[in-house]
Amino acid sequence: MASEYRCVGCGFRVKSLFIQYSPGNIRLMKCGNCKEVADEYIECERMIIFIDLVLHRPKVYRHVLFNEINQETVNIQHLLWKLVFAYLLLDSYRSLLLRGTHEHSSLVLVTMKVLIHVLSTNLAFIFAFAIAAKGLLNEVSRKREILLGILISSYFKMFLLAMLVWEFPVSVIFIIDIIVLTSNSMALKVMTESTTSRCMAVCLIAHTVRFLVGHIFEPTTFFPRFGSLVYLSSSFRIL
């Protein structure tokens, strides 16, 4: 996403990551700041990179966000639109999973409900994220790059597709949401070089607003039960 590469260890800008002498024969460059290899993930298998992403290692996030996805090698605009489409598609499937099998409305009505739910929650997420980032991180520039980083760090939503094959309780969906939140926080920390607490606060605010807006347009049994408890407590006070 940047025109320059980054050292995965310290985040220092480097001009090149390796020198290629012949096909398959490369020499990794060292960082001028920490004197370590700038990006050791160049020679790693994809599975190792994925495992380190799941473990939320800052080094692998710098590799993916700065070195793997770079303006010199990737068309950022095309990648952004593809990720937005994939993100909304997975979010639509998540909305369908939360509805369960009790939905007996027509296909058109269900589709409209899902679209309204997905668009409203994600717009709320974007606005809340932008306001929180401006207030806590003072981050108003690089909007496209940060949006791309948030989309990429939401990779764990792909595990929703596993529910097409295996049956899982609904709580798994919320576990995935928590992992996405922490992954977004790590990506934001790597990109803005801010503190972990501030980045976590920004993402927590945005995801909380998204959660609340989602229950406004698609209330679950939690809110009716919560409303019943409030009603009963008020009734006891009157008595």
Protein backbone atom coordinates (compact mmCIF):
# COMPACT_ATOMS: atom_id res chain seq x y z
CA MET A 1 0.00 0.00 0.00
CA ALA A 2 3.03 2.21 0.23
CA SER A 3 5.52 3.14 -2.46
CA GLU A 4 8.35 2.10 -0.11
CA TYR A 5 8.90 -1.21 1.63
CA ARG A 6 9.15 -1.63 5.40
CA CYS A 7 11.34 -3.65 7.71
CA VAL A 8 9.04 -6.18 9.37
CA GLY A 9 11.00 -5.95 12.60
CA CYS A 10 11.15 -2.21 13.33
CA GLY A 11 8.96 -0.69 10.61
CA PHE A 12 11.84 1.36 9.14
CA ARG A 13 11.50 2.26 5.45
CA VAL A 14 13.76 0.32 3.08
CA LYS A 15 14.26 0.75 -0.65
CA SER A 16 14.44 -2.96 -1.53
CA LEU A 17 13.87 -6.28 0.21
CA PHE A 18 16.16 -8.54 -1.81
CA ILE A 19 18.57 -8.72 -4.72
CA GLN A 20 17.90 -11.35 -7.36
CA TYR A 21 20.99 -12.73 -9.06
CA SER A 22 19.17 -15.40 -11.07
CA PRO A 23 15.78 -17.18 -10.99
CA GLY A 24 15.52 -18.75 -7.54
CA ASN A 25 18.76 -17.19 -6.34
CA ILE A 26 18.16 -14.14 -4.15
CA ARG A 27 19.87 -12.39 -1.26
CA LEU A 28 17.71 -10.79 1.41
CA MET A 29 18.58 -7.20 2.26
CA LYS A 30 19.15 -5.96 5.80
CA CYS A 31 17.45 -3.01 7.46
CA GLY A 32 19.59 0.08 7.89
CA ASN A 33 18.03 0.74 11.29
CA CYS A 34 17.97 -2.57 13.20
CA LYS A 35 20.59 -4.32 11.03
CA GLU A 36 18.37 -7.41 10.75
CA VAL A 37 16.92 -9.01 7.62
CA ALA A 38 14.25 -6.60 6.39
CA ASP A 39 11.66 -9.24 5.53
CA GLU A 40 12.31 -12.91 6.24
CA TYR A 41 8.76 -13.81 5.19
CA ILE A 42 9.80 -13.57 1.53
CA GLU A 43 11.22 -17.07 1.78
CA CYS A 44 8.40 -18.48 3.95
CA GLU A 45 5.56 -20.71 2.81
CA ARG A 46 2.05 -19.29 2.64
CA MET A 47 0.91 -21.57 5.45
CA ILE A 48 3.52 -20.12 7.83
CA ILE A 49 2.39 -16.61 6.92
CA PHE A 50 -1.24 -17.55 7.56
CA ILE A 51 -0.41 -19.13 10.94
CA ASP A 52 1.47 -16.01 12.02
CA LEU A 53 -1.51 -13.90 10.93
CA VAL A 54 -3.77 -15.97 13.16
CA LEU A 55 -1.26 -15.49 15.99
CA HIS A 56 -1.38 -11.70 15.38
CA ARG A 57 2.36 -11.24 14.98
CA PRO A 58 3.19 -7.61 14.06
CA LYS A 59 5.99 -8.72 11.71
CA VAL A 60 3.68 -10.65 9.40
CA TYR A 61 1.18 -7.77 9.35
CA ARG A 62 3.95 -5.44 8.15
CA HIS A 63 4.91 -8.01 5.53
CA VAL A 64 1.37 -8.28 4.16
CA LEU A 65 0.30 -4.63 4.46
CA PHE A 66 3.50 -2.94 3.30
CA ASN A 67 5.65 -5.42 1.37
CA GLU A 68 3.27 -7.95 -0.14
CA ILE A 69 0.65 -5.36 -1.11
CA ASN A 70 2.66 -2.50 -2.57
CA GLN A 71 1.73 0.15 -5.13
CA GLU A 72 4.63 -0.96 -7.30
CA THR A 73 3.39 -4.54 -7.57
CA VAL A 74 -0.39 -4.40 -6.98
CA ASN A 75 -3.24 -2.35 -8.43
CA ILE A 76 -4.58 -0.98 -5.15
CA GLN A 77 -7.85 0.34 -6.56
CA HIS A 78 -8.84 -2.97 -8.16
CA LEU A 79 -7.85 -4.90 -5.04
CA LEU A 80 -9.92 -2.55 -2.88
CA TRP A 81 -13.10 -3.13 -4.87
CA LYS A 82 -12.57 -6.91 -4.84
CA LEU A 83 -12.09 -6.92 -1.08
CA VAL A 84 -15.17 -4.73 -0.53
CA PHE A 85 -17.27 -7.15 -2.58
CA ALA A 86 -15.91 -10.20 -0.73
CA TYR A 87 -16.38 -8.50 2.65
CA LEU A 88 -20.01 -7.59 1.96
CA LEU A 89 -20.70 -11.08 0.59
CA LEU A 90 -19.34 -12.74 3.74
CA ASP A 91 -21.24 -10.26 5.89
CA SER A 92 -24.45 -11.11 4.05
CA TYR A 93 -23.88 -14.79 4.74
CA ARG A 94 -23.24 -13.95 8.40
CA SER A 95 -26.60 -12.14 8.53
CA LEU A 96 -28.33 -15.18 7.06
CA LEU A 97 -26.70 -17.46 9.63
CA LEU A 98 -27.91 -15.27 12.48
CA ARG A 99 -31.46 -15.42 11.13
CA GLY A 100 -31.38 -19.21 11.31
CA THR A 101 -34.02 -21.48 9.96
CA HIS A 102 -36.97 -19.66 11.57
CA GLU A 103 -37.18 -17.15 8.72
CA HIS A 104 -40.21 -18.07 6.61
CA SER A 105 -40.51 -14.88 4.57
CA SER A 106 -40.24 -14.78 0.80
CA LEU A 107 -36.84 -14.77 -0.88
CA VAL A 108 -37.22 -11.16 -2.02
CA LEU A 109 -38.13 -9.97 1.48
CA VAL A 110 -35.25 -11.86 3.08
CA THR A 111 -32.84 -10.45 0.50
CA MET A 112 -34.02 -6.90 1.18
CA LYS A 113 -33.66 -7.40 4.93
CA VAL A 114 -30.14 -8.76 4.53
CA LEU A 115 -29.11 -5.90 2.24
CA ILE A 116 -30.49 -3.26 4.61
CA HIS A 117 -28.78 -4.95 7.55
CA VAL A 118 -25.39 -5.30 5.85
CA LEU A 119 -25.32 -1.79 4.39
CA SER A 120 -26.54 -0.06 7.55
CA THR A 121 -24.12 -1.88 9.87
CA ASN A 122 -21.09 -1.34 7.66
CA LEU A 123 -21.88 2.34 7.06
CA ALA A 124 -22.21 2.77 10.82
CA PHE A 125 -18.89 0.95 11.27
CA ILE A 126 -17.11 3.24 8.77
CA PHE A 127 -18.46 6.46 10.31
CA ALA A 128 -17.73 5.33 13.87
CA PHE A 129 -14.25 4.15 12.89
CA ALA A 130 -13.46 7.44 11.14
CA ILE A 131 -14.64 9.55 14.09
CA ALA A 132 -12.82 7.40 16.65
CA ALA A 133 -9.61 7.33 14.59
CA LYS A 134 -9.67 11.10 14.22
CA GLY A 135 -10.26 11.61 17.93
CA LEU A 136 -7.91 9.01 19.40
CA LEU A 137 -5.25 8.66 16.72
CA ASN A 138 -5.53 12.01 14.94
CA GLU A 139 -5.48 9.98 11.72
CA VAL A 140 -7.20 11.81 8.86
CA SER A 141 -4.87 11.00 5.96
CA ARG A 142 -4.29 7.69 4.20
CA LYS A 143 -7.99 6.85 4.38
CA ARG A 144 -7.86 4.44 1.45
CA GLU A 145 -4.80 2.63 2.80
CA ILE A 146 -6.32 2.21 6.27
CA LEU A 147 -9.61 0.97 4.80
CA LEU A 148 -7.69 -1.57 2.75
CA GLY A 149 -5.81 -2.65 5.85
CA ILE A 150 -9.06 -3.14 7.78
CA LEU A 151 -10.52 -5.22 4.95
CA ILE A 152 -7.41 -7.40 4.68
CA SER A 153 -7.22 -7.91 8.45
CA SER A 154 -10.83 -9.13 8.41
CA TYR A 155 -9.63 -12.32 6.69
CA PHE A 156 -11.02 -14.46 9.54
CA LYS A 157 -14.53 -13.92 8.18
CA MET A 158 -13.66 -16.59 5.62
CA PHE A 159 -14.14 -19.19 8.37
CA LEU A 160 -17.86 -18.50 8.16
CA LEU A 161 -17.79 -20.60 5.00
CA ALA A 162 -16.94 -23.62 7.14
CA MET A 163 -20.52 -23.47 8.41
CA LEU A 164 -21.64 -24.50 4.94
CA VAL A 165 -20.11 -27.91 5.60
CA TRP A 166 -20.16 -28.38 9.38
CA GLU A 167 -22.74 -27.38 11.96
CA PHE A 168 -21.53 -24.95 14.61
CA PRO A 169 -23.42 -23.09 17.36
CA VAL A 170 -24.28 -19.46 16.74
CA SER A 171 -21.70 -18.45 19.35
CA VAL A 172 -18.95 -19.33 16.85
CA ILE A 173 -20.04 -16.34 14.75
CA PHE A 174 -19.39 -13.98 17.66
CA ILE A 175 -16.03 -15.64 18.36
CA ILE A 176 -15.09 -14.90 14.76
CA ASP A 177 -16.23 -11.29 15.27
CA ILE A 178 -13.92 -10.96 18.29
CA ILE A 179 -10.95 -12.33 16.34
CA VAL A 180 -11.70 -9.91 13.50
CA LEU A 181 -11.77 -7.05 16.02
CA THR A 182 -8.35 -7.95 17.44
CA SER A 183 -6.94 -8.45 13.94
CA ASN A 184 -8.24 -5.01 12.89
CA SER A 185 -6.56 -3.53 15.98
CA MET A 186 -3.22 -5.11 15.08
CA ALA A 187 -3.43 -3.89 11.48
CA LEU A 188 -4.29 -0.37 12.67
CA LYS A 189 -1.38 -0.43 15.15
CA VAL A 190 1.07 -1.50 12.43
CA MET A 191 -0.16 1.10 9.94
CA THR A 192 -0.40 4.08 12.31
CA GLU A 193 2.43 3.11 14.71
CA SER A 194 0.16 4.10 17.59
CA THR A 195 -0.27 2.38 20.95
CA THR A 196 -2.12 -0.91 21.25
CA SER A 197 -4.67 0.52 23.70
CA ARG A 198 -5.66 3.39 21.40
CA CYS A 199 -5.97 1.14 18.35
CA MET A 200 -8.01 -1.37 20.33
CA ALA A 201 -10.26 1.44 21.59
CA VAL A 202 -10.88 2.71 18.04
CA CYS A 203 -11.79 -0.74 16.75
CA LEU A 204 -13.87 -1.57 19.82
CA ILE A 205 -15.91 1.62 19.40
CA ALA A 206 -16.48 0.94 15.70
CA HIS A 207 -17.46 -2.71 16.22
CA THR A 208 -19.73 -1.82 19.14
CA VAL A 209 -21.59 0.75 17.05
CA ARG A 210 -21.85 -1.81 14.26
CA PHE A 211 -23.25 -4.38 16.70
CA LEU A 212 -25.84 -1.97 18.12
CA VAL A 213 -26.99 -0.77 14.69
CA GLY A 214 -27.27 -4.39 13.60
CA HIS A 215 -29.64 -5.15 16.46
CA ILE A 216 -31.73 -2.11 15.65
CA PHE A 217 -32.41 -3.42 12.15
CA GLU A 218 -32.35 -7.09 13.11
CA PRO A 219 -33.09 -7.55 16.82
CA THR A 220 -32.30 -10.94 18.37
CA THR A 221 -33.73 -12.53 21.46
CA PHE A 222 -31.28 -10.60 23.67
CA PHE A 223 -33.07 -7.29 23.41
CA PRO A 224 -36.61 -8.63 23.95
CA ARG A 225 -35.33 -10.48 27.04
CA PHE A 226 -33.51 -7.37 28.23
CA GLY A 227 -36.68 -5.33 27.68
CA SER A 228 -38.70 -7.87 29.63
CA LEU A 229 -36.30 -7.64 32.56
CA VAL A 230 -36.53 -3.85 32.54
CA TYR A 231 -40.33 -4.06 32.43
CA LEU A 232 -40.45 -6.54 35.34
CA SER A 233 -38.08 -4.43 37.45
CA SER A 234 -40.19 -1.33 36.84
CA SER A 235 -43.32 -3.27 37.75
CA PHE A 236 -41.79 -4.36 41.07
CA ARG A 237 -40.86 -0.74 41.81
CA ILE A 238 -44.45 0.34 41.24
CA LEU A 239 -45.71 -2.42 43.55
